[in-house]
């Protein structure tokens, strides 16, 4: 097995008891998993998309017109909707960002990041009831993608982070903790892991500082 790939045990919430978690194995890789339609694009278009990936985050207003123009030519490339939605969100236009995300799900229902982006919007609004609907009540990657045995690490981190925060939001803390433990095993320093950790243990840093620097210490 490649050093960039490894087997993991991932959580699958039981339908009858969401607090309970059983585990299913699949492969996580850091190697690029490219969409077939993306692979067929001309190289200069791929280079443009790679550039816009960064510009959507750093110069979102500047990236929007170019992304929209590319979408007119290549309306079936899901990653373009993803970057455009991010650009609109970072530009402060949340309504337009949500419209782009929903359009992406409609056109590319199997594109995980479109659903993850919509789930992020719902979590921010505390609309927890929508999360299971977004993933068709299949809160495990191997259920949502039964024919896939290999996932990119960004897919796994994004999915586990969303589901972990969902469980925390509906009061299923034990399940959320299990997702957090798995995130720590997979990528302890990732933003997703740290975010869920802060939500679960908001006073951990305070307690650590008090332990290192007691109030009575001189």
N, C-alpha and C. Protein backbone atom coordinates (compact mmCIF):
# COMPACT_ATOMS: atom_id res chain seq x y z
N UNK A 1 0.85 -1.20 0.00
CA UNK A 1 0.00 0.00 0.00
C UNK A 1 0.88 1.24 0.00
N UNK A 2 0.52 2.24 -0.76
CA UNK A 2 1.29 3.47 -0.85
C UNK A 2 1.39 4.14 0.51
N UNK A 3 2.52 4.85 0.75
CA UNK A 3 2.68 5.59 1.99
C UNK A 3 1.66 6.70 2.09
N UNK A 4 1.12 7.12 0.95
CA UNK A 4 0.14 8.18 0.95
C UNK A 4 -1.27 7.66 1.19
N UNK A 5 -1.40 6.34 1.31
CA UNK A 5 -2.70 5.73 1.55
C UNK A 5 -2.63 4.86 2.80
N UNK A 6 -3.74 4.74 3.49
CA UNK A 6 -3.78 3.89 4.67
C UNK A 6 -5.20 3.49 4.97
N UNK A 7 -5.34 2.38 5.67
CA UNK A 7 -6.65 1.92 6.10
C UNK A 7 -7.01 2.58 7.42
N UNK A 8 -8.27 2.92 7.57
CA UNK A 8 -8.73 3.49 8.84
C UNK A 8 -10.01 2.79 9.24
N UNK A 9 -10.37 2.98 10.50
CA UNK A 9 -11.66 2.50 10.98
C UNK A 9 -12.50 3.74 11.23
N UNK A 10 -13.56 3.86 10.47
CA UNK A 10 -14.37 5.07 10.52
C UNK A 10 -15.71 4.80 11.17
N UNK A 11 -16.31 5.82 11.81
CA UNK A 11 -17.54 5.57 12.56
C UNK A 11 -18.77 5.55 11.70
N UNK A 12 -19.69 4.67 12.04
CA UNK A 12 -20.99 4.64 11.38
C UNK A 12 -22.07 4.68 12.45
N UNK A 13 -22.80 5.78 12.59
CA UNK A 13 -23.83 5.84 13.61
C UNK A 13 -24.90 4.79 13.37
N UNK A 14 -25.31 4.09 14.40
CA UNK A 14 -26.38 3.12 14.29
C UNK A 14 -27.71 3.84 14.09
N UNK A 15 -28.54 3.33 13.21
CA UNK A 15 -29.81 3.98 12.95
C UNK A 15 -30.72 3.95 14.18
N UNK A 16 -30.67 2.84 14.93
CA UNK A 16 -31.59 2.71 16.05
C UNK A 16 -31.12 3.48 17.28
N UNK A 17 -29.80 3.65 17.45
CA UNK A 17 -29.28 4.38 18.59
C UNK A 17 -28.15 5.28 18.11
N UNK A 18 -28.42 6.53 17.79
CA UNK A 18 -27.39 7.42 17.27
C UNK A 18 -26.20 7.58 18.19
N UNK A 19 -26.38 7.31 19.52
CA UNK A 19 -25.25 7.47 20.42
C UNK A 19 -24.20 6.39 20.17
N UNK A 20 -24.66 5.24 19.70
CA UNK A 20 -23.76 4.13 19.48
C UNK A 20 -23.01 4.30 18.17
N UNK A 21 -21.78 3.82 18.12
CA UNK A 21 -20.97 3.93 16.91
C UNK A 21 -20.30 2.60 16.65
N UNK A 22 -20.45 2.09 15.45
CA UNK A 22 -19.67 0.92 15.07
C UNK A 22 -18.72 1.36 13.96
N UNK A 23 -17.79 0.52 13.56
CA UNK A 23 -16.73 0.97 12.68
C UNK A 23 -16.65 0.16 11.39
N UNK A 24 -16.36 0.87 10.33
CA UNK A 24 -16.23 0.27 9.01
C UNK A 24 -14.92 0.76 8.41
N UNK A 25 -14.16 -0.14 7.79
CA UNK A 25 -12.87 0.26 7.26
C UNK A 25 -12.94 0.70 5.81
N UNK A 26 -12.16 1.72 5.48
CA UNK A 26 -11.94 2.12 4.09
C UNK A 26 -10.59 2.81 4.00
N UNK A 27 -10.15 3.03 2.81
CA UNK A 27 -8.81 3.59 2.59
C UNK A 27 -8.88 5.11 2.48
N UNK A 28 -7.95 5.77 3.15
CA UNK A 28 -7.80 7.22 3.05
C UNK A 28 -6.48 7.49 2.33
N UNK A 29 -6.52 8.41 1.37
CA UNK A 29 -5.33 8.74 0.62
C UNK A 29 -5.13 10.25 0.55
N UNK A 30 -3.89 10.66 0.44
CA UNK A 30 -3.58 12.06 0.20
C UNK A 30 -3.29 12.31 -1.28
N UNK A 31 -3.34 11.23 -2.05
CA UNK A 31 -3.15 11.36 -3.50
C UNK A 31 -4.42 11.94 -4.13
N UNK A 32 -4.25 12.73 -5.16
CA UNK A 32 -5.37 13.39 -5.80
C UNK A 32 -6.32 12.37 -6.42
N UNK A 33 -7.62 12.55 -6.15
CA UNK A 33 -8.66 11.74 -6.78
C UNK A 33 -9.44 12.68 -7.70
N UNK A 34 -9.19 12.60 -8.98
CA UNK A 34 -9.77 13.56 -9.91
C UNK A 34 -11.04 13.04 -10.56
N UNK A 35 -11.98 13.95 -10.72
CA UNK A 35 -13.21 13.66 -11.43
C UNK A 35 -12.90 13.40 -12.91
N UNK A 36 -13.61 12.41 -13.49
CA UNK A 36 -13.35 12.06 -14.89
C UNK A 36 -13.52 13.27 -15.82
N UNK A 37 -14.52 14.09 -15.56
CA UNK A 37 -14.77 15.26 -16.41
C UNK A 37 -13.64 16.27 -16.28
N UNK A 38 -13.11 16.38 -15.08
CA UNK A 38 -11.97 17.29 -14.87
C UNK A 38 -10.74 16.78 -15.63
N UNK A 39 -10.53 15.48 -15.60
CA UNK A 39 -9.36 14.92 -16.28
C UNK A 39 -9.38 15.19 -17.78
N UNK A 40 -10.56 15.34 -18.35
CA UNK A 40 -10.70 15.55 -19.78
C UNK A 40 -10.52 17.01 -20.21
N UNK A 41 -10.39 17.90 -19.25
CA UNK A 41 -10.22 19.32 -19.58
C UNK A 41 -8.85 19.59 -20.18
N UNK A 42 -8.74 20.61 -21.02
CA UNK A 42 -7.41 21.02 -21.52
C UNK A 42 -6.52 21.43 -20.36
N UNK A 43 -5.23 21.25 -20.52
CA UNK A 43 -4.30 21.54 -19.43
C UNK A 43 -4.35 23.00 -19.01
N UNK A 44 -4.52 23.91 -19.97
CA UNK A 44 -4.53 25.33 -19.61
C UNK A 44 -5.76 25.67 -18.77
N UNK A 45 -6.85 24.94 -18.98
CA UNK A 45 -8.06 25.15 -18.16
C UNK A 45 -7.81 24.62 -16.74
N UNK A 46 -7.17 23.48 -16.64
CA UNK A 46 -6.83 22.94 -15.32
C UNK A 46 -5.94 23.92 -14.55
N UNK A 47 -4.97 24.50 -15.26
CA UNK A 47 -4.08 25.47 -14.61
C UNK A 47 -4.87 26.68 -14.11
N UNK A 48 -5.83 27.12 -14.91
CA UNK A 48 -6.67 28.26 -14.51
C UNK A 48 -7.49 27.92 -13.29
N UNK A 49 -8.06 26.72 -13.26
CA UNK A 49 -8.86 26.29 -12.12
C UNK A 49 -8.01 26.21 -10.86
N UNK A 50 -6.79 25.69 -11.00
CA UNK A 50 -5.88 25.62 -9.85
C UNK A 50 -5.58 27.01 -9.30
N UNK A 51 -5.38 27.95 -10.18
CA UNK A 51 -5.11 29.34 -9.75
C UNK A 51 -6.32 29.92 -9.04
N UNK A 52 -7.50 29.67 -9.60
CA UNK A 52 -8.72 30.23 -9.02
C UNK A 52 -9.07 29.61 -7.67
N UNK A 53 -8.57 28.40 -7.45
CA UNK A 53 -8.76 27.77 -6.14
C UNK A 53 -8.21 28.66 -5.03
N UNK A 54 -7.03 29.22 -5.26
CA UNK A 54 -6.41 30.08 -4.26
C UNK A 54 -7.00 31.49 -4.29
N UNK A 55 -7.29 31.98 -5.48
CA UNK A 55 -7.84 33.33 -5.58
C UNK A 55 -9.23 33.43 -4.96
N UNK A 56 -10.00 32.35 -5.03
CA UNK A 56 -11.34 32.36 -4.44
C UNK A 56 -11.26 32.61 -2.93
N UNK A 57 -10.16 32.20 -2.31
CA UNK A 57 -9.99 32.38 -0.87
C UNK A 57 -9.27 33.67 -0.52
N UNK A 58 -8.36 34.09 -1.37
CA UNK A 58 -7.55 35.27 -1.05
C UNK A 58 -8.09 36.55 -1.69
N UNK A 59 -8.61 36.43 -2.89
CA UNK A 59 -9.17 37.59 -3.59
C UNK A 59 -10.54 37.20 -4.17
N UNK A 60 -11.49 36.93 -3.29
CA UNK A 60 -12.77 36.37 -3.75
C UNK A 60 -13.53 37.25 -4.74
N UNK A 61 -13.58 38.53 -4.51
CA UNK A 61 -14.31 39.42 -5.43
C UNK A 61 -13.69 39.41 -6.82
N UNK A 62 -12.40 39.31 -6.85
CA UNK A 62 -11.68 39.28 -8.13
C UNK A 62 -11.90 37.96 -8.86
N UNK A 63 -12.04 36.88 -8.09
CA UNK A 63 -12.17 35.55 -8.70
C UNK A 63 -13.56 35.29 -9.25
N UNK A 64 -14.58 35.93 -8.70
CA UNK A 64 -15.97 35.62 -9.07
C UNK A 64 -16.25 35.76 -10.57
N UNK A 65 -15.91 36.88 -11.23
CA UNK A 65 -16.23 37.00 -12.66
C UNK A 65 -15.58 35.92 -13.52
N UNK A 66 -14.33 35.58 -13.19
CA UNK A 66 -13.63 34.56 -13.98
C UNK A 66 -14.23 33.18 -13.75
N UNK A 67 -14.62 32.88 -12.51
CA UNK A 67 -15.26 31.59 -12.23
C UNK A 67 -16.60 31.48 -12.93
N UNK A 68 -17.37 32.57 -12.93
CA UNK A 68 -18.67 32.55 -13.60
C UNK A 68 -18.51 32.36 -15.11
N UNK A 69 -17.50 32.96 -15.66
CA UNK A 69 -17.24 32.81 -17.10
C UNK A 69 -16.84 31.37 -17.43
N UNK A 70 -16.02 30.77 -16.58
CA UNK A 70 -15.62 29.38 -16.80
C UNK A 70 -16.83 28.45 -16.70
N UNK A 71 -17.73 28.74 -15.77
CA UNK A 71 -18.91 27.90 -15.61
C UNK A 71 -19.83 27.95 -16.82
N UNK A 72 -19.83 29.07 -17.52
CA UNK A 72 -20.63 29.16 -18.74
C UNK A 72 -20.10 28.19 -19.79
N UNK A 73 -18.81 28.01 -19.81
CA UNK A 73 -18.17 27.12 -20.78
C UNK A 73 -18.16 25.67 -20.30
N UNK A 74 -17.97 25.49 -18.99
CA UNK A 74 -17.85 24.14 -18.42
C UNK A 74 -18.85 23.99 -17.26
N UNK A 75 -20.14 23.92 -17.56
CA UNK A 75 -21.17 23.88 -16.50
C UNK A 75 -21.24 22.56 -15.73
N UNK A 76 -20.52 21.54 -16.18
CA UNK A 76 -20.59 20.24 -15.52
C UNK A 76 -19.36 19.91 -14.68
N UNK A 77 -18.55 20.92 -14.38
CA UNK A 77 -17.37 20.71 -13.55
C UNK A 77 -17.70 21.14 -12.12
N UNK A 78 -17.93 20.19 -11.22
CA UNK A 78 -18.44 20.52 -9.88
C UNK A 78 -17.52 21.41 -9.06
N UNK A 79 -16.20 21.27 -9.24
CA UNK A 79 -15.28 22.05 -8.41
C UNK A 79 -15.41 23.54 -8.68
N UNK A 80 -15.86 23.93 -9.88
CA UNK A 80 -16.03 25.35 -10.19
C UNK A 80 -17.15 25.96 -9.34
N UNK A 81 -18.22 25.21 -9.15
CA UNK A 81 -19.30 25.68 -8.27
C UNK A 81 -18.79 25.80 -6.83
N UNK A 82 -17.96 24.84 -6.46
CA UNK A 82 -17.40 24.84 -5.11
C UNK A 82 -16.60 26.12 -4.86
N UNK A 83 -15.70 26.44 -5.78
CA UNK A 83 -14.86 27.63 -5.63
C UNK A 83 -15.69 28.91 -5.72
N UNK A 84 -16.68 28.92 -6.60
CA UNK A 84 -17.52 30.11 -6.74
C UNK A 84 -18.35 30.33 -5.47
N UNK A 85 -18.87 29.26 -4.89
CA UNK A 85 -19.62 29.39 -3.65
C UNK A 85 -18.75 29.93 -2.53
N UNK A 86 -17.51 29.45 -2.45
CA UNK A 86 -16.57 29.95 -1.44
C UNK A 86 -16.29 31.44 -1.67
N UNK A 87 -16.09 31.83 -2.92
CA UNK A 87 -15.79 33.22 -3.24
C UNK A 87 -16.95 34.13 -2.84
N UNK A 88 -18.17 33.72 -3.14
CA UNK A 88 -19.34 34.52 -2.76
C UNK A 88 -19.47 34.61 -1.25
N UNK A 89 -19.23 33.49 -0.57
CA UNK A 89 -19.34 33.48 0.89
C UNK A 89 -18.32 34.43 1.52
N UNK A 90 -17.08 34.36 1.05
CA UNK A 90 -16.03 35.22 1.61
C UNK A 90 -16.23 36.67 1.21
N UNK A 91 -17.00 36.91 0.15
CA UNK A 91 -17.32 38.28 -0.26
C UNK A 91 -18.49 38.85 0.53
N UNK A 92 -19.12 38.01 1.35
CA UNK A 92 -20.22 38.47 2.18
C UNK A 92 -21.59 38.27 1.59
N UNK A 93 -21.66 37.61 0.42
CA UNK A 93 -22.96 37.37 -0.22
C UNK A 93 -23.39 35.93 0.07
N UNK A 94 -23.95 35.71 1.26
CA UNK A 94 -24.31 34.36 1.67
C UNK A 94 -25.47 33.79 0.87
N UNK A 95 -26.39 34.66 0.48
CA UNK A 95 -27.54 34.18 -0.30
C UNK A 95 -27.08 33.61 -1.64
N UNK A 96 -26.19 34.31 -2.29
CA UNK A 96 -25.68 33.83 -3.58
C UNK A 96 -24.83 32.58 -3.39
N UNK A 97 -24.08 32.54 -2.31
CA UNK A 97 -23.25 31.36 -2.03
C UNK A 97 -24.13 30.13 -1.88
N UNK A 98 -25.25 30.28 -1.16
CA UNK A 98 -26.15 29.14 -0.96
C UNK A 98 -26.79 28.73 -2.28
N UNK A 99 -27.14 29.69 -3.12
CA UNK A 99 -27.73 29.36 -4.42
C UNK A 99 -26.76 28.53 -5.26
N UNK A 100 -25.48 28.90 -5.22
CA UNK A 100 -24.46 28.17 -5.98
C UNK A 100 -24.31 26.76 -5.43
N UNK A 101 -24.29 26.63 -4.11
CA UNK A 101 -24.15 25.31 -3.48
C UNK A 101 -25.31 24.40 -3.87
N UNK A 102 -26.53 24.92 -3.82
CA UNK A 102 -27.71 24.11 -4.15
C UNK A 102 -27.72 23.75 -5.64
N UNK A 103 -27.26 24.65 -6.47
CA UNK A 103 -27.17 24.35 -7.91
C UNK A 103 -26.16 23.23 -8.15
N UNK A 104 -25.08 23.24 -7.38
CA UNK A 104 -24.06 22.20 -7.51
C UNK A 104 -24.62 20.84 -7.11
N UNK A 105 -25.38 20.80 -6.02
CA UNK A 105 -25.99 19.53 -5.59
C UNK A 105 -26.97 19.04 -6.66
N UNK A 106 -27.72 19.96 -7.23
CA UNK A 106 -28.69 19.59 -8.26
C UNK A 106 -28.00 19.01 -9.49
N UNK A 107 -26.93 19.65 -9.92
CA UNK A 107 -26.23 19.20 -11.13
C UNK A 107 -25.30 18.03 -10.85
N UNK A 108 -24.73 18.00 -9.66
CA UNK A 108 -23.71 16.99 -9.34
C UNK A 108 -24.03 16.35 -7.99
N UNK A 109 -25.09 15.57 -7.93
CA UNK A 109 -25.55 15.03 -6.64
C UNK A 109 -24.54 14.12 -5.95
N UNK A 110 -23.60 13.56 -6.69
CA UNK A 110 -22.61 12.68 -6.09
C UNK A 110 -21.35 13.41 -5.64
N UNK A 111 -21.32 14.73 -5.81
CA UNK A 111 -20.13 15.51 -5.43
C UNK A 111 -20.23 15.84 -3.95
N UNK A 112 -19.37 15.22 -3.16
CA UNK A 112 -19.46 15.32 -1.71
C UNK A 112 -19.32 16.75 -1.21
N UNK A 113 -18.41 17.52 -1.77
CA UNK A 113 -18.14 18.85 -1.23
C UNK A 113 -19.33 19.80 -1.41
N UNK A 114 -20.17 19.55 -2.40
CA UNK A 114 -21.37 20.37 -2.54
C UNK A 114 -22.28 20.14 -1.34
N UNK A 115 -22.45 18.90 -0.95
CA UNK A 115 -23.29 18.58 0.21
C UNK A 115 -22.64 19.05 1.51
N UNK A 116 -21.32 18.93 1.60
CA UNK A 116 -20.63 19.41 2.79
C UNK A 116 -20.78 20.93 2.93
N UNK A 117 -20.69 21.64 1.82
CA UNK A 117 -20.84 23.09 1.87
C UNK A 117 -22.23 23.49 2.34
N UNK A 118 -23.24 22.78 1.86
CA UNK A 118 -24.60 23.07 2.29
C UNK A 118 -24.79 22.71 3.77
N UNK A 119 -24.17 21.61 4.18
CA UNK A 119 -24.24 21.21 5.59
C UNK A 119 -23.59 22.27 6.48
N UNK A 120 -22.50 22.86 6.02
CA UNK A 120 -21.85 23.92 6.79
C UNK A 120 -22.80 25.11 6.98
N UNK A 121 -23.52 25.46 5.92
CA UNK A 121 -24.49 26.55 6.01
C UNK A 121 -25.56 26.23 7.05
N UNK A 122 -26.06 24.99 7.01
CA UNK A 122 -27.12 24.59 7.95
C UNK A 122 -26.61 24.53 9.39
N UNK A 123 -25.38 24.07 9.58
CA UNK A 123 -24.81 24.04 10.92
C UNK A 123 -24.66 25.45 11.48
N UNK A 124 -24.22 26.38 10.63
CA UNK A 124 -24.06 27.77 11.07
C UNK A 124 -25.40 28.37 11.51
N UNK A 125 -26.48 27.90 10.91
CA UNK A 125 -27.82 28.39 11.25
C UNK A 125 -28.49 27.55 12.33
N UNK A 126 -27.80 26.53 12.81
CA UNK A 126 -28.34 25.60 13.80
C UNK A 126 -29.57 24.85 13.25
N UNK A 127 -29.58 24.63 11.94
CA UNK A 127 -30.67 23.88 11.31
C UNK A 127 -30.27 22.40 11.24
N UNK A 128 -30.15 21.80 12.41
CA UNK A 128 -29.61 20.45 12.50
C UNK A 128 -30.51 19.41 11.83
N UNK A 129 -31.80 19.68 11.78
CA UNK A 129 -32.73 18.72 11.20
C UNK A 129 -32.47 18.49 9.72
N UNK A 130 -31.76 19.41 9.08
CA UNK A 130 -31.50 19.28 7.64
C UNK A 130 -30.29 18.40 7.32
N UNK A 131 -29.44 18.16 8.32
CA UNK A 131 -28.19 17.46 8.05
C UNK A 131 -28.43 16.04 7.55
N UNK A 132 -29.31 15.30 8.21
CA UNK A 132 -29.57 13.93 7.76
C UNK A 132 -30.21 13.93 6.38
N UNK A 133 -31.02 14.93 6.08
CA UNK A 133 -31.63 15.03 4.75
C UNK A 133 -30.57 15.25 3.68
N UNK A 134 -29.59 16.09 3.98
CA UNK A 134 -28.53 16.39 3.01
C UNK A 134 -27.80 15.12 2.61
N UNK A 135 -27.56 14.25 3.59
CA UNK A 135 -26.83 13.01 3.32
C UNK A 135 -27.75 11.80 3.21
N UNK A 136 -29.03 12.07 2.94
CA UNK A 136 -30.01 11.02 2.69
C UNK A 136 -30.04 9.99 3.81
N UNK A 137 -29.87 10.47 5.06
CA UNK A 137 -29.91 9.64 6.26
C UNK A 137 -28.82 8.57 6.25
N UNK A 138 -27.72 8.84 5.55
CA UNK A 138 -26.58 7.91 5.50
C UNK A 138 -25.37 8.64 6.07
N UNK A 139 -25.23 8.57 7.39
CA UNK A 139 -24.21 9.36 8.07
C UNK A 139 -22.88 8.61 8.17
N UNK A 140 -22.50 7.99 7.09
CA UNK A 140 -21.22 7.28 7.01
C UNK A 140 -20.82 7.24 5.54
N UNK A 141 -19.57 7.56 5.24
CA UNK A 141 -19.11 7.63 3.86
C UNK A 141 -19.34 6.33 3.10
N UNK A 142 -19.09 5.20 3.75
CA UNK A 142 -19.23 3.93 3.05
C UNK A 142 -20.69 3.58 2.77
N UNK A 143 -21.62 4.23 3.46
CA UNK A 143 -23.04 4.06 3.15
C UNK A 143 -23.46 5.01 2.04
N UNK A 144 -22.99 6.24 2.13
CA UNK A 144 -23.37 7.23 1.13
C UNK A 144 -22.73 6.91 -0.23
N UNK A 145 -21.53 6.33 -0.18
CA UNK A 145 -20.84 5.90 -1.40
C UNK A 145 -20.53 4.41 -1.28
N UNK A 146 -21.52 3.53 -1.44
CA UNK A 146 -21.30 2.10 -1.21
C UNK A 146 -20.33 1.45 -2.18
N UNK A 147 -20.07 2.08 -3.32
CA UNK A 147 -19.18 1.47 -4.31
C UNK A 147 -17.76 2.03 -4.23
N UNK A 148 -17.53 2.93 -3.29
CA UNK A 148 -16.19 3.50 -3.12
C UNK A 148 -15.52 2.89 -1.90
N UNK A 149 -14.24 2.55 -2.06
CA UNK A 149 -13.46 2.03 -0.95
C UNK A 149 -12.27 2.93 -0.66
N UNK A 150 -12.20 4.05 -1.35
CA UNK A 150 -11.04 4.94 -1.23
C UNK A 150 -11.52 6.39 -1.24
N UNK A 151 -11.06 7.17 -0.26
CA UNK A 151 -11.46 8.56 -0.15
C UNK A 151 -10.25 9.44 0.09
N UNK A 152 -10.33 10.66 -0.44
CA UNK A 152 -9.26 11.62 -0.18
C UNK A 152 -9.38 12.10 1.26
N UNK A 153 -8.27 12.42 1.87
CA UNK A 153 -8.28 12.83 3.27
C UNK A 153 -9.15 14.06 3.51
N UNK A 154 -9.21 14.97 2.53
CA UNK A 154 -10.05 16.17 2.70
C UNK A 154 -11.53 15.80 2.73
N UNK A 155 -11.92 14.75 2.01
CA UNK A 155 -13.30 14.28 2.05
C UNK A 155 -13.63 13.72 3.43
N UNK A 156 -12.72 12.92 3.96
CA UNK A 156 -12.95 12.28 5.25
C UNK A 156 -12.99 13.32 6.37
N UNK A 157 -12.03 14.24 6.37
CA UNK A 157 -11.99 15.26 7.42
C UNK A 157 -13.24 16.14 7.36
N UNK A 158 -13.63 16.54 6.16
CA UNK A 158 -14.81 17.39 6.02
C UNK A 158 -16.06 16.68 6.48
N UNK A 159 -16.21 15.42 6.10
CA UNK A 159 -17.41 14.66 6.45
C UNK A 159 -17.47 14.41 7.96
N UNK A 160 -16.37 13.93 8.53
CA UNK A 160 -16.37 13.63 9.96
C UNK A 160 -16.59 14.88 10.81
N UNK A 161 -16.02 15.99 10.37
CA UNK A 161 -16.20 17.24 11.10
C UNK A 161 -17.66 17.66 11.11
N UNK A 162 -18.30 17.58 9.95
CA UNK A 162 -19.71 17.96 9.85
C UNK A 162 -20.58 17.04 10.71
N UNK A 163 -20.37 15.73 10.62
CA UNK A 163 -21.20 14.80 11.37
C UNK A 163 -20.93 14.90 12.86
N UNK A 164 -19.68 15.12 13.23
CA UNK A 164 -19.36 15.31 14.64
C UNK A 164 -20.06 16.53 15.22
N UNK A 165 -20.05 17.63 14.49
CA UNK A 165 -20.71 18.84 14.96
C UNK A 165 -22.23 18.68 14.95
N UNK A 166 -22.72 17.90 14.00
CA UNK A 166 -24.17 17.61 13.98
C UNK A 166 -24.58 16.88 15.25
N UNK A 167 -23.84 15.82 15.61
CA UNK A 167 -24.18 15.08 16.81
C UNK A 167 -24.08 15.96 18.06
N UNK A 168 -23.06 16.80 18.10
CA UNK A 168 -22.93 17.71 19.24
C UNK A 168 -24.13 18.66 19.29
N UNK A 169 -24.55 19.14 18.13
CA UNK A 169 -25.66 20.08 18.06
C UNK A 169 -26.98 19.50 18.52
N UNK A 170 -27.17 18.20 18.31
CA UNK A 170 -28.44 17.57 18.73
C UNK A 170 -28.32 16.90 20.09
N UNK A 171 -27.20 17.15 20.76
CA UNK A 171 -27.05 16.65 22.12
C UNK A 171 -26.48 15.25 22.24
N UNK A 172 -25.93 14.70 21.18
CA UNK A 172 -25.33 13.37 21.22
C UNK A 172 -23.82 13.51 21.39
N UNK A 173 -23.43 13.95 22.57
CA UNK A 173 -22.04 14.29 22.81
C UNK A 173 -21.10 13.09 22.69
N UNK A 174 -21.55 11.93 23.16
CA UNK A 174 -20.70 10.74 23.10
C UNK A 174 -20.31 10.40 21.67
N UNK A 175 -21.27 10.46 20.75
CA UNK A 175 -20.97 10.20 19.34
C UNK A 175 -20.04 11.27 18.79
N UNK A 176 -20.26 12.53 19.17
CA UNK A 176 -19.39 13.62 18.71
C UNK A 176 -17.96 13.40 19.19
N UNK A 177 -17.79 12.93 20.43
CA UNK A 177 -16.46 12.66 20.97
C UNK A 177 -15.76 11.56 20.19
N UNK A 178 -16.52 10.57 19.75
CA UNK A 178 -15.92 9.47 18.99
C UNK A 178 -15.42 9.96 17.63
N UNK A 179 -16.19 10.86 17.02
CA UNK A 179 -15.72 11.43 15.77
C UNK A 179 -14.48 12.28 15.99
N UNK A 180 -14.45 12.99 17.10
CA UNK A 180 -13.28 13.81 17.43
C UNK A 180 -12.04 12.93 17.62
N UNK A 181 -12.19 11.81 18.30
CA UNK A 181 -11.06 10.91 18.51
C UNK A 181 -10.54 10.38 17.18
N UNK A 182 -11.45 10.08 16.27
CA UNK A 182 -11.02 9.60 14.95
C UNK A 182 -10.32 10.69 14.16
N UNK A 183 -10.83 11.91 14.23
CA UNK A 183 -10.17 13.03 13.57
C UNK A 183 -8.76 13.21 14.10
N UNK A 184 -8.58 13.06 15.40
CA UNK A 184 -7.24 13.19 15.98
C UNK A 184 -6.30 12.10 15.48
N UNK A 185 -6.84 10.91 15.26
CA UNK A 185 -6.02 9.83 14.74
C UNK A 185 -5.61 10.09 13.30
N UNK A 186 -6.53 10.63 12.53
CA UNK A 186 -6.29 10.82 11.10
C UNK A 186 -5.42 12.05 10.84
N UNK A 187 -5.78 13.17 11.49
CA UNK A 187 -5.05 14.42 11.25
C UNK A 187 -5.20 15.34 12.47
N UNK A 188 -4.37 15.14 13.48
CA UNK A 188 -4.54 15.87 14.74
C UNK A 188 -4.38 17.39 14.61
N UNK A 189 -3.64 17.85 13.62
CA UNK A 189 -3.39 19.28 13.47
C UNK A 189 -4.28 19.96 12.45
N UNK A 190 -5.25 19.24 11.89
CA UNK A 190 -6.11 19.83 10.86
C UNK A 190 -7.06 20.84 11.48
N UNK A 191 -7.53 21.78 10.68
CA UNK A 191 -8.48 22.78 11.14
C UNK A 191 -9.78 22.12 11.60
N UNK A 192 -10.19 21.07 10.88
CA UNK A 192 -11.43 20.38 11.24
C UNK A 192 -11.34 19.74 12.62
N UNK A 193 -10.19 19.11 12.90
CA UNK A 193 -9.99 18.49 14.20
C UNK A 193 -9.98 19.53 15.32
N UNK A 194 -9.25 20.60 15.10
CA UNK A 194 -9.15 21.64 16.12
C UNK A 194 -10.50 22.32 16.36
N UNK A 195 -11.25 22.53 15.29
CA UNK A 195 -12.56 23.18 15.42
C UNK A 195 -13.50 22.35 16.28
N UNK A 196 -13.62 21.06 15.96
CA UNK A 196 -14.50 20.20 16.74
C UNK A 196 -14.00 20.08 18.17
N UNK A 197 -12.69 20.03 18.35
CA UNK A 197 -12.13 19.94 19.69
C UNK A 197 -12.46 21.16 20.53
N UNK A 198 -12.42 22.34 19.93
CA UNK A 198 -12.75 23.56 20.68
C UNK A 198 -14.23 23.60 21.05
N UNK A 199 -15.07 23.07 20.16
CA UNK A 199 -16.50 23.03 20.48
C UNK A 199 -16.80 22.06 21.62
N UNK A 200 -16.08 20.93 21.61
CA UNK A 200 -16.30 19.92 22.64
C UNK A 200 -15.66 20.31 23.97
N UNK A 201 -14.49 20.95 23.89
CA UNK A 201 -13.73 21.27 25.09
C UNK A 201 -13.30 22.74 25.06
N UNK A 202 -14.24 23.65 25.17
CA UNK A 202 -13.91 25.08 25.05
C UNK A 202 -13.00 25.59 26.15
N UNK A 203 -12.97 24.93 27.30
CA UNK A 203 -12.16 25.41 28.42
C UNK A 203 -10.86 24.65 28.58
N UNK A 204 -10.55 23.79 27.61
CA UNK A 204 -9.34 22.97 27.72
C UNK A 204 -8.09 23.83 27.77
N UNK A 205 -8.01 24.85 26.92
CA UNK A 205 -6.84 25.71 26.89
C UNK A 205 -6.71 26.49 28.19
N UNK A 206 -7.84 26.95 28.72
CA UNK A 206 -7.83 27.70 29.97
C UNK A 206 -7.31 26.82 31.11
N UNK A 207 -7.80 25.58 31.16
CA UNK A 207 -7.35 24.66 32.20
C UNK A 207 -5.86 24.36 32.06
N UNK A 208 -5.40 24.21 30.83
CA UNK A 208 -3.99 23.92 30.59
C UNK A 208 -3.12 25.09 31.05
N UNK A 209 -3.55 26.31 30.73
CA UNK A 209 -2.78 27.49 31.14
C UNK A 209 -2.73 27.62 32.65
N UNK A 210 -3.85 27.32 33.32
CA UNK A 210 -3.88 27.38 34.78
C UNK A 210 -2.95 26.35 35.39
N UNK A 211 -2.86 25.18 34.75
CA UNK A 211 -1.98 24.13 35.24
C UNK A 211 -0.52 24.54 35.07
N UNK A 212 -0.22 25.17 33.95
CA UNK A 212 1.16 25.61 33.69
C UNK A 212 1.54 26.84 34.50
N UNK A 213 0.54 27.72 34.68
CA UNK A 213 0.81 28.97 35.39
C UNK A 213 -0.24 29.16 36.49
N UNK A 214 -0.10 28.47 37.61
CA UNK A 214 -1.08 28.57 38.69
C UNK A 214 -1.23 30.02 39.17
N UNK A 215 -2.43 30.41 39.61
CA UNK A 215 -2.67 31.78 40.03
C UNK A 215 -1.74 32.25 41.14
N UNK A 216 -1.33 31.33 42.04
CA UNK A 216 -0.49 31.71 43.16
C UNK A 216 1.01 31.63 42.86
N UNK A 217 1.31 31.24 41.64
CA UNK A 217 2.73 31.11 41.28
C UNK A 217 3.36 32.50 41.16
N UNK A 218 4.61 32.60 41.55
CA UNK A 218 5.32 33.87 41.46
C UNK A 218 6.47 33.76 40.46
